[in-house]
PDB file of all heavy atoms in Angstrom:
ATOM      1  N   LEU A   1     -59.333  -2.794   8.206  1.00  0.00           N
ATOM      2  CA  LEU A   1     -60.202  -3.432   7.176  1.00  0.00           C
ATOM      3  C   LEU A   1     -61.396  -4.137   7.791  1.00  0.00           C
ATOM      4  O   LEU A   1     -62.518  -4.161   7.209  1.00  0.00           O
ATOM      5  CB  LEU A   1     -59.460  -4.336   6.251  1.00  0.00           C
ATOM      6  CG  LEU A   1     -58.363  -3.672   5.340  1.00  0.00           C
ATOM      7  CD1 LEU A   1     -57.479  -4.662   4.664  1.00  0.00           C
ATOM      8  CD2 LEU A   1     -59.137  -2.750   4.338  1.00  0.00           C
ATOM      9  N   MET A   2     -61.239  -4.800   8.814  1.00  0.00           N
ATOM     10  CA  MET A   2     -62.301  -5.538   9.656  1.00  0.00           C
ATOM     11  C   MET A   2     -63.314  -4.483  10.065  1.00  0.00           C
ATOM     12  O   MET A   2     -64.478  -4.724   9.772  1.00  0.00           O
ATOM     13  CB  MET A   2     -61.699  -6.192  10.810  1.00  0.00           C
ATOM     14  CG  MET A   2     -62.795  -7.049  11.589  1.00  0.00           C
ATOM     15  SD  MET A   2     -62.127  -8.104  12.819  1.00  0.00           S
ATOM     16  CE  MET A   2     -61.714  -6.882  14.072  1.00  0.00           C
ATOM     17  N   ARG A   3     -62.887  -3.348  10.570  1.00  0.00           N
ATOM     18  CA  ARG A   3     -63.846  -2.392  11.016  1.00  0.00           C
ATOM     19  C   ARG A   3     -64.456  -1.734   9.810  1.00  0.00           C
ATOM     20  O   ARG A   3     -65.753  -1.448   9.924  1.00  0.00           O
ATOM     21  CB  ARG A   3     -63.040  -1.228  11.779  1.00  0.00           C
ATOM     22  CG  ARG A   3     -63.819  -0.180  12.360  1.00  0.00           C
ATOM     23  CD  ARG A   3     -63.005   0.903  12.994  1.00  0.00           C
ATOM     24  NE  ARG A   3     -62.009   1.515  12.083  1.00  0.00           N
ATOM     25  CZ  ARG A   3     -60.749   1.354  12.192  1.00  0.00           C
ATOM     26  NH1 ARG A   3     -60.222   0.637  13.117  1.00  0.00           N
ATOM     27  NH2 ARG A   3     -59.933   1.966  11.258  1.00  0.00           N
ATOM     28  N   ASP A   4     -63.878  -1.666   8.625  1.00  0.00           N
ATOM     29  CA  ASP A   4     -64.480  -1.015   7.514  1.00  0.00           C
ATOM     30  C   ASP A   4     -65.257  -1.972   6.531  1.00  0.00           C
ATOM     31  O   ASP A   4     -65.981  -1.530   5.712  1.00  0.00           O
ATOM     32  CB  ASP A   4     -63.272  -0.453   6.598  1.00  0.00           C
ATOM     33  CG  ASP A   4     -62.566   0.726   7.214  1.00  0.00           C
ATOM     34  OD1 ASP A   4     -63.018   1.254   8.222  1.00  0.00           O
ATOM     35  OD2 ASP A   4     -61.518   1.049   6.671  1.00  0.00           O
ATOM     36  N   GLU A   5     -65.106  -3.294   6.859  1.00  0.00           N
ATOM     37  CA  GLU A   5     -65.717  -4.295   5.992  1.00  0.00           C
ATOM     38  C   GLU A   5     -67.256  -4.102   5.815  1.00  0.00           C
ATOM     39  O   GLU A   5     -67.805  -4.142   4.592  1.00  0.00           O
ATOM     40  CB  GLU A   5     -65.466  -5.638   6.466  1.00  0.00           C
ATOM     41  CG  GLU A   5     -65.961  -6.697   5.547  1.00  0.00           C
ATOM     42  CD  GLU A   5     -65.454  -8.119   5.865  1.00  0.00           C
ATOM     43  OE1 GLU A   5     -64.359  -8.235   6.392  1.00  0.00           O
ATOM     44  OE2 GLU A   5     -66.185  -9.071   5.617  1.00  0.00           O
ATOM     45  N   PRO A   6     -68.084  -3.824   6.816  1.00  0.00           N
ATOM     46  CA  PRO A   6     -69.489  -3.631   6.540  1.00  0.00           C
ATOM     47  C   PRO A   6     -69.825  -2.451   5.597  1.00  0.00           C
ATOM     48  O   PRO A   6     -70.652  -2.571   4.659  1.00  0.00           O
ATOM     49  CB  PRO A   6     -70.117  -3.279   7.876  1.00  0.00           C
ATOM     50  CG  PRO A   6     -69.162  -3.902   8.905  1.00  0.00           C
ATOM     51  CD  PRO A   6     -67.793  -3.774   8.248  1.00  0.00           C
ATOM     52  N   GLU A   7     -69.001  -1.389   5.687  1.00  0.00           N
ATOM     53  CA  GLU A   7     -69.192  -0.297   4.742  1.00  0.00           C
ATOM     54  C   GLU A   7     -68.722  -0.664   3.308  1.00  0.00           C
ATOM     55  O   GLU A   7     -69.406  -0.357   2.290  1.00  0.00           O
ATOM     56  CB  GLU A   7     -68.490   0.903   5.198  1.00  0.00           C
ATOM     57  CG  GLU A   7     -68.516   2.107   4.236  1.00  0.00           C
ATOM     58  CD  GLU A   7     -69.903   2.480   3.828  1.00  0.00           C
ATOM     59  OE1 GLU A   7     -70.842   2.468   4.681  1.00  0.00           O
ATOM     60  OE2 GLU A   7     -70.156   2.999   2.775  1.00  0.00           O
ATOM     61  N   LEU A   8     -67.663  -1.443   3.169  1.00  0.00           N
ATOM     62  CA  LEU A   8     -67.257  -1.829   1.891  1.00  0.00           C
ATOM     63  C   LEU A   8     -68.273  -2.713   1.225  1.00  0.00           C
ATOM     64  O   LEU A   8     -68.554  -2.632   0.084  1.00  0.00           O
ATOM     65  CB  LEU A   8     -65.828  -2.632   2.054  1.00  0.00           C
ATOM     66  CG  LEU A   8     -64.590  -1.921   2.391  1.00  0.00           C
ATOM     67  CD1 LEU A   8     -63.508  -2.717   2.699  1.00  0.00           C
ATOM     68  CD2 LEU A   8     -64.335  -0.955   1.269  1.00  0.00           C
ATOM     69  N   ILE A   9     -68.892  -3.657   2.041  1.00  0.00           N
ATOM     70  CA  ILE A   9     -69.873  -4.563   1.441  1.00  0.00           C
ATOM     71  C   ILE A   9     -71.094  -3.675   0.981  1.00  0.00           C
ATOM     72  O   ILE A   9     -71.637  -3.965  -0.026  1.00  0.00           O
ATOM     73  CB  ILE A   9     -70.313  -5.579   2.512  1.00  0.00           C
ATOM     74  CG1 ILE A   9     -69.076  -6.419   2.833  1.00  0.00           C
ATOM     75  CG2 ILE A   9     -71.493  -6.399   2.039  1.00  0.00           C
ATOM     76  CD1 ILE A   9     -68.982  -7.859   2.690  1.00  0.00           C
ATOM     77  N   ARG A  10     -71.445  -2.744   1.761  1.00  0.00           N
ATOM     78  CA  ARG A  10     -72.511  -1.783   1.375  1.00  0.00           C
ATOM     79  C   ARG A  10     -72.158  -1.113   0.042  1.00  0.00           C
ATOM     80  O   ARG A  10     -73.077  -1.015  -0.903  1.00  0.00           O
ATOM     81  CB  ARG A  10     -72.877  -0.769   2.381  1.00  0.00           C
ATOM     82  CG  ARG A  10     -73.886  -1.239   3.454  1.00  0.00           C
ATOM     83  CD  ARG A  10     -74.354  -0.144   4.352  1.00  0.00           C
ATOM     84  NE  ARG A  10     -73.228   0.463   5.291  1.00  0.00           N
ATOM     85  CZ  ARG A  10     -72.924  -0.240   6.373  1.00  0.00           C
ATOM     86  NH1 ARG A  10     -73.414  -1.264   6.785  1.00  0.00           N
ATOM     87  NH2 ARG A  10     -71.871   0.389   7.073  1.00  0.00           N
ATOM     88  N   ARG A  11     -70.999  -0.698  -0.104  1.00  0.00           N
ATOM     89  CA  ARG A  11     -70.505   0.089  -1.304  1.00  0.00           C
ATOM     90  C   ARG A  11     -70.526  -0.924  -2.462  1.00  0.00           C
ATOM     91  O   ARG A  11     -70.969  -0.544  -3.590  1.00  0.00           O
ATOM     92  CB  ARG A  11     -69.085   0.615  -1.088  1.00  0.00           C
ATOM     93  CG  ARG A  11     -68.737   1.574  -2.291  1.00  0.00           C
ATOM     94  CD  ARG A  11     -67.410   2.254  -2.068  1.00  0.00           C
ATOM     95  NE  ARG A  11     -66.348   1.263  -2.419  1.00  0.00           N
ATOM     96  CZ  ARG A  11     -65.202   1.222  -1.857  1.00  0.00           C
ATOM     97  NH1 ARG A  11     -64.874   2.067  -0.962  1.00  0.00           N
ATOM     98  NH2 ARG A  11     -64.284   0.334  -2.297  1.00  0.00           N
ATOM     99  N   TRP A  12     -70.060  -2.140  -2.265  1.00  0.00           N
ATOM    100  CA  TRP A  12     -69.988  -3.054  -3.320  1.00  0.00           C
ATOM    101  C   TRP A  12     -71.414  -3.474  -3.810  1.00  0.00           C
ATOM    102  O   TRP A  12     -71.692  -3.696  -4.965  1.00  0.00           O
ATOM    103  CB  TRP A  12     -69.216  -4.333  -3.024  1.00  0.00           C
ATOM    104  CG  TRP A  12     -67.756  -4.040  -2.762  1.00  0.00           C
ATOM    105  CD1 TRP A  12     -67.012  -3.065  -3.392  1.00  0.00           C
ATOM    106  CD2 TRP A  12     -66.819  -4.682  -1.922  1.00  0.00           C
ATOM    107  NE1 TRP A  12     -65.665  -2.999  -2.891  1.00  0.00           N
ATOM    108  CE2 TRP A  12     -65.614  -4.110  -2.025  1.00  0.00           C
ATOM    109  CE3 TRP A  12     -67.015  -5.786  -1.030  1.00  0.00           C
ATOM    110  CZ2 TRP A  12     -64.426  -4.475  -1.271  1.00  0.00           C
ATOM    111  CZ3 TRP A  12     -65.904  -6.099  -0.380  1.00  0.00           C
ATOM    112  CH2 TRP A  12     -64.667  -5.526  -0.337  1.00  0.00           C
ATOM    113  N   THR A  13     -72.241  -3.721  -2.803  1.00  0.00           N
ATOM    114  CA  THR A  13     -73.686  -4.116  -3.185  1.00  0.00           C
ATOM    115  C   THR A  13     -74.459  -2.934  -3.840  1.00  0.00           C
ATOM    116  O   THR A  13     -75.164  -3.182  -4.789  1.00  0.00           O
ATOM    117  CB  THR A  13     -74.443  -4.678  -2.013  1.00  0.00           C
ATOM    118  OG1 THR A  13     -74.426  -3.738  -1.025  1.00  0.00           O
ATOM    119  CG2 THR A  13     -73.841  -6.030  -1.569  1.00  0.00           C
ATOM    120  N   THR A  14     -74.156  -1.773  -3.384  1.00  0.00           N
ATOM    121  CA  THR A  14     -74.739  -0.606  -4.038  1.00  0.00           C
ATOM    122  C   THR A  14     -74.335  -0.505  -5.515  1.00  0.00           C
ATOM    123  O   THR A  14     -74.994  -0.060  -6.413  1.00  0.00           O
ATOM    124  CB  THR A  14     -74.422   0.759  -3.306  1.00  0.00           C
ATOM    125  OG1 THR A  14     -74.922   0.606  -1.905  1.00  0.00           O
ATOM    126  CG2 THR A  14     -74.973   1.958  -3.930  1.00  0.00           C
ATOM    127  N   GLY A  15     -73.077  -0.892  -5.697  1.00  0.00           N
ATOM    128  CA  GLY A  15     -72.400  -0.883  -7.042  1.00  0.00           C
ATOM    129  C   GLY A  15     -72.910  -1.887  -7.955  1.00  0.00           C
ATOM    130  O   GLY A  15     -72.442  -1.980  -9.062  1.00  0.00           O
ATOM    131  N   GLY A  16     -73.620  -2.848  -7.414  1.00  0.00           N
ATOM    132  CA  GLY A  16     -74.171  -3.978  -8.294  1.00  0.00           C
ATOM    133  C   GLY A  16     -73.854  -5.313  -7.934  1.00  0.00           C
ATOM    134  O   GLY A  16     -74.286  -6.332  -8.587  1.00  0.00           O
ATOM    135  N   CYS A  17     -73.097  -5.544  -6.838  1.00  0.00           N
ATOM    136  CA  CYS A  17     -72.714  -6.943  -6.494  1.00  0.00           C
ATOM    137  C   CYS A  17     -73.950  -7.541  -5.591  1.00  0.00           C
ATOM    138  O   CYS A  17     -74.571  -6.742  -4.899  1.00  0.00           O
ATOM    139  CB  CYS A  17     -71.548  -6.993  -5.575  1.00  0.00           C
ATOM    140  SG  CYS A  17     -70.002  -6.731  -6.475  1.00  0.00           S
ATOM    141  N   ARG A  18     -73.996  -8.840  -5.783  1.00  0.00           N
ATOM    142  CA  ARG A  18     -75.052  -9.635  -4.891  1.00  0.00           C
ATOM    143  C   ARG A  18     -74.230 -10.178  -3.747  1.00  0.00           C
ATOM    144  O   ARG A  18     -73.243 -10.895  -4.004  1.00  0.00           O
ATOM    145  CB  ARG A  18     -75.694 -10.698  -5.674  1.00  0.00           C
ATOM    146  CG  ARG A  18     -76.683 -10.286  -6.768  1.00  0.00           C
ATOM    147  CD  ARG A  18     -77.399 -11.394  -7.356  1.00  0.00           C
ATOM    148  NE  ARG A  18     -76.509 -12.481  -7.876  1.00  0.00           N
ATOM    149  CZ  ARG A  18     -76.822 -13.781  -7.708  1.00  0.00           C
ATOM    150  NH1 ARG A  18     -77.830 -14.134  -7.060  1.00  0.00           N
ATOM    151  NH2 ARG A  18     -76.063 -14.700  -8.155  1.00  0.00           N
ATOM    152  N   PRO A  19     -74.547  -9.783  -2.587  1.00  0.00           N
ATOM    153  CA  PRO A  19     -73.875 -10.450  -1.453  1.00  0.00           C
ATOM    154  C   PRO A  19     -74.209 -11.844  -1.210  1.00  0.00           C
ATOM    155  O   PRO A  19     -75.435 -12.177  -1.072  1.00  0.00           O
ATOM    156  CB  PRO A  19     -74.240  -9.647  -0.270  1.00  0.00           C
ATOM    157  CG  PRO A  19     -75.591  -9.084  -0.624  1.00  0.00           C
ATOM    158  CD  PRO A  19     -75.517  -8.918  -2.006  1.00  0.00           C
ATOM    159  N   LEU A  20     -73.245 -12.781  -1.317  1.00  0.00           N
ATOM    160  CA  LEU A  20     -73.504 -14.268  -1.221  1.00  0.00           C
ATOM    161  C   LEU A  20     -72.500 -14.911  -0.240  1.00  0.00           C
ATOM    162  O   LEU A  20     -71.400 -14.500  -0.256  1.00  0.00           O
ATOM    163  CB  LEU A  20     -73.515 -14.938  -2.532  1.00  0.00           C
ATOM    164  CG  LEU A  20     -74.547 -14.462  -3.643  1.00  0.00           C
ATOM    165  CD1 LEU A  20     -74.266 -15.273  -4.914  1.00  0.00           C
ATOM    166  CD2 LEU A  20     -75.978 -14.735  -3.066  1.00  0.00           C
ATOM    167  N   SER A  21     -72.977 -15.966   0.342  1.00  0.00           N
ATOM    168  CA  SER A  21     -71.974 -16.805   1.144  1.00  0.00           C
ATOM    169  C   SER A  21     -71.136 -17.554   0.122  1.00  0.00           C
ATOM    170  O   SER A  21     -71.469 -17.612  -1.132  1.00  0.00           O
ATOM    171  CB  SER A  21     -72.670 -17.787   2.034  1.00  0.00           C
ATOM    172  OG  SER A  21     -73.376 -18.653   1.148  1.00  0.00           O
ATOM    173  N   VAL A  22     -70.032 -18.102   0.506  1.00  0.00           N
ATOM    174  CA  VAL A  22     -69.153 -18.885  -0.462  1.00  0.00           C
ATOM    175  C   VAL A  22     -69.944 -20.009  -1.082  1.00  0.00           C
ATOM    176  O   VAL A  22     -69.948 -20.102  -2.238  1.00  0.00           O
ATOM    177  CB  VAL A  22     -67.874 -19.433   0.268  1.00  0.00           C
ATOM    178  CG1 VAL A  22     -67.154 -20.352  -0.590  1.00  0.00           C
ATOM    179  CG2 VAL A  22     -67.013 -18.220   0.835  1.00  0.00           C
ATOM    180  N   ALA A  23     -70.737 -20.790  -0.272  1.00  0.00           N
ATOM    181  CA  ALA A  23     -71.510 -21.882  -0.869  1.00  0.00           C
ATOM    182  C   ALA A  23     -72.491 -21.350  -1.883  1.00  0.00           C
ATOM    183  O   ALA A  23     -72.650 -21.928  -3.027  1.00  0.00           O
ATOM    184  CB  ALA A  23     -72.234 -22.599   0.273  1.00  0.00           C
ATOM    185  N   ASN A  24     -73.217 -20.246  -1.593  1.00  0.00           N
ATOM    186  CA  ASN A  24     -74.165 -19.723  -2.539  1.00  0.00           C
ATOM    187  C   ASN A  24     -73.552 -19.144  -3.795  1.00  0.00           C
ATOM    188  O   ASN A  24     -74.080 -19.201  -4.862  1.00  0.00           O
ATOM    189  CB  ASN A  24     -75.047 -18.757  -1.895  1.00  0.00           C
ATOM    190  CG  ASN A  24     -76.028 -19.349  -0.913  1.00  0.00           C
ATOM    191  OD1 ASN A  24     -76.442 -20.521  -1.028  1.00  0.00           O
ATOM    192  ND2 ASN A  24     -76.508 -18.560   0.014  1.00  0.00           N
ATOM    193  N   ALA A  25     -72.335 -18.625  -3.653  1.00  0.00           N
ATOM    194  CA  ALA A  25     -71.598 -18.039  -4.801  1.00  0.00           C
ATOM    195  C   ALA A  25     -71.170 -19.198  -5.690  1.00  0.00           C
ATOM    196  O   ALA A  25     -71.290 -19.136  -6.882  1.00  0.00           O
ATOM    197  CB  ALA A  25     -70.311 -17.252  -4.253  1.00  0.00           C
ATOM    198  N   GLU A  26     -70.666 -20.238  -5.129  1.00  0.00           N
ATOM    199  CA  GLU A  26     -70.313 -21.473  -5.878  1.00  0.00           C
ATOM    200  C   GLU A  26     -71.533 -21.985  -6.693  1.00  0.00           C
ATOM    201  O   GLU A  26     -71.440 -22.350  -7.811  1.00  0.00           O
ATOM    202  CB  GLU A  26     -69.745 -22.552  -4.988  1.00  0.00           C
ATOM    203  CG  GLU A  26     -68.359 -22.290  -4.462  1.00  0.00           C
ATOM    204  CD  GLU A  26     -67.838 -23.233  -3.480  1.00  0.00           C
ATOM    205  OE1 GLU A  26     -68.589 -24.068  -2.893  1.00  0.00           O
ATOM    206  OE2 GLU A  26     -66.710 -23.200  -3.115  1.00  0.00           O
ATOM    207  N   ALA A  27     -72.677 -22.027  -6.002  1.00  0.00           N
ATOM    208  CA  ALA A  27     -73.885 -22.596  -6.726  1.00  0.00           C
ATOM    209  C   ALA A  27     -74.270 -21.561  -7.865  1.00  0.00           C
ATOM    210  O   ALA A  27     -74.690 -22.047  -8.955  1.00  0.00           O
ATOM    211  CB  ALA A  27     -75.036 -22.689  -5.654  1.00  0.00           C
ATOM    212  N   ALA A  28     -74.205 -20.282  -7.631  1.00  0.00           N
ATOM    213  CA  ALA A  28     -74.473 -19.284  -8.710  1.00  0.00           C
ATOM    214  C   ALA A  28     -73.504 -19.424  -9.820  1.00  0.00           C
ATOM    215  O   ALA A  28     -73.959 -19.377 -11.031  1.00  0.00           O
ATOM    216  CB  ALA A  28     -74.404 -17.871  -8.083  1.00  0.00           C
ATOM    217  N   ILE A  29     -72.279 -19.615  -9.561  1.00  0.00           N
ATOM    218  CA  ILE A  29     -71.331 -19.827 -10.712  1.00  0.00           C
ATOM    219  C   ILE A  29     -71.581 -21.074 -11.516  1.00  0.00           C
ATOM    220  O   ILE A  29     -71.550 -21.057 -12.672  1.00  0.00           O
ATOM    221  CB  ILE A  29     -69.862 -19.804 -10.197  1.00  0.00           C
ATOM    222  CG1 ILE A  29     -69.531 -18.434  -9.690  1.00  0.00           C
ATOM    223  CG2 ILE A  29     -68.810 -20.236 -11.334  1.00  0.00           C
ATOM    224  CD1 ILE A  29     -68.279 -18.307  -8.783  1.00  0.00           C
ATOM    225  N   LEU A  30     -71.905 -22.143 -10.811  1.00  0.00           N
ATOM    226  CA  LEU A  30     -72.192 -23.415 -11.505  1.00  0.00           C
ATOM    227  C   LEU A  30     -73.497 -23.239 -12.326  1.00  0.00           C
ATOM    228  O   LEU A  30     -73.636 -23.812 -13.498  1.00  0.00           O
ATOM    229  CB  LEU A  30     -72.437 -24.600 -10.432  1.00  0.00           C
ATOM    230  CG  LEU A  30     -71.081 -25.149  -9.863  1.00  0.00           C
ATOM    231  CD1 LEU A  30     -71.408 -26.103  -8.736  1.00  0.00           C
ATOM    232  CD2 LEU A  30     -70.298 -25.767 -10.960  1.00  0.00           C
ATOM    233  N   ALA A  31     -74.461 -22.567 -11.799  1.00  0.00           N
ATOM    234  CA  ALA A  31     -75.730 -22.288 -12.536  1.00  0.00           C
ATOM    235  C   ALA A  31     -75.412 -21.485 -13.806  1.00  0.00           C
ATOM    236  O   ALA A  31     -76.036 -21.699 -14.887  1.00  0.00           O
ATOM    237  CB  ALA A  31     -76.712 -21.519 -11.714  1.00  0.00           C
ATOM    238  N   LEU A  32     -74.550 -20.431 -13.737  1.00  0.00           N
ATOM    239  CA  LEU A  32     -74.081 -19.705 -14.960  1.00  0.00           C
ATOM    240  C   LEU A  32     -73.447 -20.667 -16.032  1.00  0.00           C
ATOM    241  O   LEU A  32     -73.727 -20.652 -17.197  1.00  0.00           O
ATOM    242  CB  LEU A  32     -73.132 -18.714 -14.667  1.00  0.00           C
ATOM    243  CG  LEU A  32     -73.560 -17.455 -13.947  1.00  0.00           C
ATOM    244  CD1 LEU A  32     -72.389 -16.539 -13.552  1.00  0.00           C
ATOM    245  CD2 LEU A  32     -74.538 -16.659 -14.941  1.00  0.00           C
ATOM    246  N   ARG A  33     -72.680 -21.631 -15.484  1.00  0.00           N
ATOM    247  CA  ARG A  33     -71.959 -22.490 -16.449  1.00  0.00           C
ATOM    248  C   ARG A  33     -72.958 -23.344 -17.111  1.00  0.00           C
ATOM    249  O   ARG A  33     -72.789 -23.642 -18.329  1.00  0.00           O
ATOM    250  CB  ARG A  33     -70.936 -23.380 -15.685  1.00  0.00           C
ATOM    251  CG  ARG A  33     -70.112 -24.291 -16.485  1.00  0.00           C
ATOM    252  CD  ARG A  33     -68.845 -24.650 -15.855  1.00  0.00           C
ATOM    253  NE  ARG A  33     -68.006 -25.235 -16.906  1.00  0.00           N
ATOM    254  CZ  ARG A  33     -67.232 -26.261 -16.726  1.00  0.00           C
ATOM    255  NH1 ARG A  33     -67.257 -26.872 -15.591  1.00  0.00           N
ATOM    256  NH2 ARG A  33     -66.427 -26.671 -17.697  1.00  0.00           N
ATOM    257  N   TRP A  34     -73.985 -23.788 -16.408  1.00  0.00           N
ATOM    258  CA  TRP A  34     -74.952 -24.707 -17.086  1.00  0.00           C
ATOM    259  C   TRP A  34     -75.820 -23.981 -18.128  1.00  0.00           C
ATOM    260  O   TRP A  34     -76.341 -24.483 -19.016  1.00  0.00           O
ATOM    261  CB  TRP A  34     -75.752 -25.430 -16.071  1.00  0.00           C
ATOM    262  CG  TRP A  34     -74.995 -26.416 -15.296  1.00  0.00           C
ATOM    263  CD1 TRP A  34     -74.755 -26.328 -13.945  1.00  0.00           C
ATOM    264  CD2 TRP A  34     -74.374 -27.614 -15.766  1.00  0.00           C
ATOM    265  NE1 TRP A  34     -73.947 -27.393 -13.597  1.00  0.00           N
ATOM    266  CE2 TRP A  34     -73.791 -28.280 -14.628  1.00  0.00           C
ATOM    267  CE3 TRP A  34     -74.324 -28.200 -17.004  1.00  0.00           C
ATOM    268  CZ2 TRP A  34     -72.949 -29.429 -14.778  1.00  0.00           C
ATOM    269  CZ3 TRP A  34     -73.613 -29.378 -17.130  1.00  0.00           C
ATOM    270  CH2 TRP A  34     -72.951 -29.924 -16.058  1.00  0.00           C
TER     271      TRP A  34
END
């Protein structure tokens, strides 16, 4: 899975996910809540 992770992230982002660090994801979720 470690070897495959870059490809998984590419697949997920191509599918519509925004790649974010944990801190940035927390900020994005808080922004949605507000």
